[in-house]
Protein backbone atom coordinates (compact mmCIF):
# COMPACT_ATOMS: atom_id res chain seq x y z
CA MET A 1 102.88 27.07 4.00
CA MET A 2 105.64 24.31 3.92
CA GLU A 3 104.84 21.28 1.11
CA LYS A 4 104.07 17.90 1.60
CA PHE A 5 106.39 14.75 0.58
CA SER A 6 104.75 12.66 -2.28
CA PRO A 7 106.12 9.40 -3.23
CA HIS A 8 104.80 10.88 -6.58
CA ASN A 9 106.74 13.97 -6.93
CA SER A 10 108.43 14.20 -10.29
CA SER A 11 111.55 15.02 -8.73
CA ASN A 12 111.66 12.14 -6.49
CA LYS A 13 110.65 9.45 -9.75
CA ASN A 14 113.42 10.81 -11.38
CA GLN A 15 115.74 10.72 -8.32
CA ILE A 16 114.88 6.64 -7.92
CA LYS A 17 115.11 6.71 -11.79
CA TYR A 18 118.86 7.46 -11.59
CA GLU A 19 119.74 5.66 -8.34
CA ARG A 20 118.67 2.69 -10.32
CA GLN A 21 120.24 3.02 -13.36
CA VAL A 22 123.59 3.89 -11.75
CA LYS A 23 123.56 0.84 -9.88
CA THR A 24 122.46 -1.44 -12.56
CA ILE A 25 125.63 0.07 -13.67
CA PHE A 26 128.01 -1.82 -10.51
CA LEU A 27 126.19 -4.28 -11.06
CA GLN A 28 127.64 -5.74 -14.24
CA ILE A 29 131.04 -4.43 -13.89
CA PRO A 30 131.85 -7.37 -12.12
CA SER A 31 130.82 -9.46 -15.27
CA ILE A 32 132.50 -7.37 -17.73
CA LEU A 33 135.60 -7.95 -15.50
CA LEU A 34 134.55 -11.60 -15.31
CA THR A 35 134.20 -11.86 -19.30
CA THR A 36 137.61 -9.75 -19.59
CA LEU A 37 139.87 -13.02 -18.00
CA ILE A 38 138.22 -15.27 -19.05
CA CYS A 39 138.37 -14.56 -22.99
CA SER A 40 142.96 -13.70 -21.90
CA ALA A 41 142.83 -16.92 -19.87
CA THR A 42 141.65 -18.74 -23.21
CA ILE A 43 144.66 -17.35 -25.49
CA ALA A 44 146.57 -18.02 -22.64
CA GLN A 45 145.81 -21.73 -23.07
CA GLU A 46 147.43 -21.94 -26.15
CA TYR A 47 150.49 -22.32 -25.04
CA PRO A 48 152.15 -24.49 -22.29
CA GLY A 49 152.47 -23.04 -19.33
CA CYS A 50 150.55 -19.52 -18.04
CA PHE A 51 151.50 -16.74 -21.00
CA MET A 52 149.09 -14.36 -22.35
CA VAL A 53 149.58 -13.21 -25.50
CA ASP A 54 150.19 -10.17 -27.12
CA GLU A 55 148.16 -8.44 -30.69
CA LEU A 56 152.16 -9.15 -32.54
CA GLY A 57 151.92 -13.23 -31.31
CA ASN A 58 154.54 -12.56 -28.71
CA LYS A 59 154.01 -14.55 -25.82
CA LYS A 60 154.27 -13.07 -22.58
CA ASP A 61 155.65 -15.50 -19.36
CA LEU A 62 152.99 -14.99 -16.51
CA THR A 63 154.40 -18.50 -14.97
CA ILE A 64 155.45 -17.17 -11.76
CA SER A 65 153.86 -13.68 -10.99
CA VAL A 66 150.16 -13.86 -12.09
CA CYS A 67 149.90 -18.58 -12.35
CA ARG A 68 151.95 -18.74 -9.39
CA GLN A 69 153.98 -21.60 -11.02
CA PHE A 70 157.38 -22.79 -10.49
CA ALA A 71 159.12 -24.71 -12.78
CA GLU A 72 159.38 -27.90 -10.54
CA ASP A 73 156.17 -28.01 -10.94
CA LEU A 74 155.38 -27.79 -14.75
CA PRO A 75 155.65 -30.32 -17.42
CA GLU A 76 158.92 -31.32 -18.75
CA GLY A 77 160.18 -29.34 -21.75
CA ILE A 78 158.17 -26.34 -20.97
CA SER A 79 160.00 -23.11 -20.23
CA THR A 80 159.79 -20.27 -18.03
CA SER A 81 162.62 -18.27 -19.84
CA GLY A 82 159.74 -15.37 -20.43
CA THR A 83 161.32 -14.21 -23.51
CA ALA A 84 159.29 -12.97 -26.23
CA GLY A 85 159.24 -14.15 -29.66
CA LEU A 86 161.72 -16.51 -28.87
CA TYR A 87 162.45 -19.99 -29.49
CA GLU A 88 165.13 -23.01 -28.63
CA ILE A 89 165.16 -26.24 -30.69
CA PRO A 90 167.64 -28.91 -28.99
CA ILE A 91 169.98 -30.18 -31.11
CA ILE A 92 169.44 -33.83 -31.06
CA LYS A 93 172.68 -34.36 -32.79
CA ARG A 94 175.38 -33.54 -35.19
CA THR A 95 176.54 -34.82 -38.89
CA ASN A 96 180.15 -35.74 -39.13
CA GLY A 97 180.66 -33.99 -35.25
CA GLU A 98 180.37 -31.50 -33.51
CA GLU A 99 180.97 -29.45 -36.26
CA GLY A 100 178.35 -30.55 -38.30
CA ILE A 101 174.76 -29.68 -39.76
CA PRO A 102 172.34 -30.01 -36.83
CA ILE A 103 169.76 -32.32 -35.50
CA VAL A 104 166.36 -31.88 -34.75
CA GLN A 105 163.28 -33.14 -33.92
CA VAL A 106 160.01 -31.97 -35.60
CA THR A 107 156.40 -32.46 -34.38
CA PHE A 108 153.37 -32.85 -37.74
CA ASN A 109 150.20 -33.21 -37.82
CA GLY A 110 150.76 -32.77 -33.57
CA ASP A 111 151.62 -36.70 -32.64
CA GLN A 112 154.63 -37.34 -35.68
CA THR A 113 158.01 -36.57 -34.69
CA TYR A 114 161.13 -36.78 -36.74
CA GLU A 115 164.34 -36.51 -37.41
CA MET A 116 165.49 -33.56 -39.59
CA LEU A 117 168.57 -31.55 -40.57
CA LEU A 118 168.49 -28.36 -39.46
CA ASP A 119 169.58 -26.97 -43.36
CA THR A 120 170.38 -23.62 -43.68
CA GLY A 121 170.73 -23.91 -47.69
CA ALA A 122 167.41 -25.56 -47.73
CA SER A 123 164.61 -23.29 -48.94
CA LYS A 124 162.16 -25.67 -48.99
CA THR A 125 161.27 -28.28 -45.56
CA ASN A 126 161.84 -31.04 -47.67
CA ILE A 127 160.38 -34.35 -46.17
CA THR A 128 161.01 -38.44 -46.86
CA GLN A 129 158.50 -40.39 -49.18
CA SER A 130 157.83 -42.73 -45.99
CA MET A 131 156.86 -39.29 -43.83
CA ALA A 132 154.85 -38.52 -46.63
CA ASN A 133 153.35 -41.66 -46.59
CA SER A 134 152.80 -42.31 -42.56
CA LEU A 135 151.56 -38.02 -42.82
CA LYS A 136 149.18 -39.69 -45.56
CA VAL A 137 150.26 -36.71 -47.96
CA ILE A 138 148.66 -35.81 -50.91
CA PRO A 139 150.72 -34.39 -53.78
CA TYR A 140 149.19 -31.43 -55.71
CA GLY A 141 152.17 -31.10 -58.23
CA ARG A 142 155.88 -31.52 -59.03
CA GLY A 143 159.13 -29.54 -59.68
CA THR A 144 162.81 -30.42 -59.12
CA ALA A 145 165.29 -29.58 -55.98
CA LYS A 146 168.85 -30.14 -55.05
CA ILE A 147 168.99 -31.76 -52.65
CA ALA A 148 172.26 -32.81 -49.50
CA ASP A 149 174.68 -33.68 -51.57
CA GLY A 150 173.89 -31.52 -54.26
CA THR A 151 171.46 -33.73 -56.94
CA ASP A 152 168.61 -32.46 -58.53
CA VAL A 153 166.11 -34.23 -57.67
CA GLU A 154 162.22 -34.76 -59.34
CA ILE A 155 160.11 -34.05 -56.43
CA GLN A 156 156.71 -33.48 -55.60
CA TYR A 157 154.77 -30.64 -53.08
CA GLY A 158 151.92 -31.94 -50.83
CA MET A 159 150.30 -29.96 -47.42
CA VAL A 160 150.69 -31.11 -43.73
CA GLY A 161 147.96 -30.05 -41.11
CA SER A 162 150.78 -28.31 -38.77
CA ILE A 163 154.38 -28.52 -38.17
CA SER A 164 156.70 -27.37 -35.10
CA ALA A 165 160.18 -27.58 -33.76
CA GLY A 166 160.89 -25.94 -29.99
CA GLY A 167 157.35 -24.38 -29.76
CA LEU A 168 157.22 -23.10 -33.16
CA GLU A 169 154.42 -24.08 -35.04
CA PHE A 170 152.52 -23.28 -38.32
CA LYS A 171 149.70 -24.59 -39.85
CA GLN A 172 148.62 -25.93 -43.59
CA PHE A 173 152.20 -25.76 -44.71
CA SER A 174 153.32 -27.07 -48.12
CA VAL A 175 156.73 -29.10 -47.86
CA SER A 176 158.30 -30.39 -50.47
CA ILE A 177 158.40 -34.96 -51.41
CA LEU A 178 161.71 -36.43 -51.17
CA PRO A 179 161.57 -39.37 -54.23
CA PRO A 180 162.10 -42.60 -52.63
CA GLU A 181 165.54 -42.94 -52.71
CA ALA A 182 166.69 -39.98 -50.65
CA LYS A 183 166.47 -41.06 -47.34
CA ILE A 184 167.40 -37.25 -45.38
CA PRO A 185 164.72 -35.37 -44.53
CA LEU A 186 165.52 -30.81 -44.52
CA LEU A 187 164.27 -28.00 -42.11
CA GLY A 188 164.33 -25.09 -44.72
CA GLN A 189 164.23 -21.11 -44.49
CA ASP A 190 160.19 -21.64 -44.98
CA PHE A 191 159.98 -22.47 -41.96
CA PHE A 192 162.94 -20.55 -39.64
CA GLY A 193 163.61 -18.06 -42.03
CA ASN A 194 162.12 -15.56 -40.92
CA TYR A 195 163.24 -15.22 -37.57
CA ASP A 196 167.10 -15.05 -36.70
CA MET A 197 168.97 -17.49 -35.53
CA THR A 198 172.01 -18.58 -32.80
CA VAL A 199 173.59 -22.37 -33.32
CA LYS A 200 174.61 -22.97 -30.08
CA GLU A 201 176.30 -25.92 -28.39
CA LYS A 202 173.37 -27.76 -28.39
CA LEU A 203 170.56 -25.73 -29.25
CA VAL A 204 169.51 -23.57 -32.35
CA GLU A 205 167.75 -20.29 -30.93
CA LEU A 206 165.27 -18.59 -33.18
CA ARG A 207 164.89 -14.90 -32.47
CA ARG A 208 161.60 -13.29 -33.53
CA ARG A 209 162.51 -10.99 -36.11
CA SER A 210 162.25 -6.97 -35.41
CA SER A 211 159.66 -5.03 -37.52
CA SER A 212 161.85 -2.04 -37.80
């Protein structure tokens, strides 16, 4: 005699349970993918333009390939070079003509920009007393330093919320505060010392140094 089909048969119950589990897994896949894309987009939005950032902090340009944006569609000042670990700081002018020390614009705390000498001989970044007052820097120590003309002066040490130039930014950055008579601020090696520098006619290139 042929066995009748019964919806209460144990094998049928297992089959139904299995099908439900498979269906649940497939329904979860879009949600997982969406969450991944949202997290990736959040990282990309931390930088100008359309970029992704790898685990080493290198930027990969997605402006054209993914975001479908072109240079003319982007805000002024955003580069689409796509070279990871490369920062370009425009030279505003130079001291003593074309062969002089580059003067670049440096932004503090995200909204205050000053012209500073990019001095490869300065180990620390030095700001003037007037800059310190405007940035509301609170000194936490004292020391001595050699300024641009070779003179040793007494300085104070303080901390700024951020410092940036050419897209390279550091948070909670220690600076030296020059005495009131010193009028020339210096961008020193504590800002660019971990990068290979190339000084061109109109810009300074900082390239992330290989760890190998």
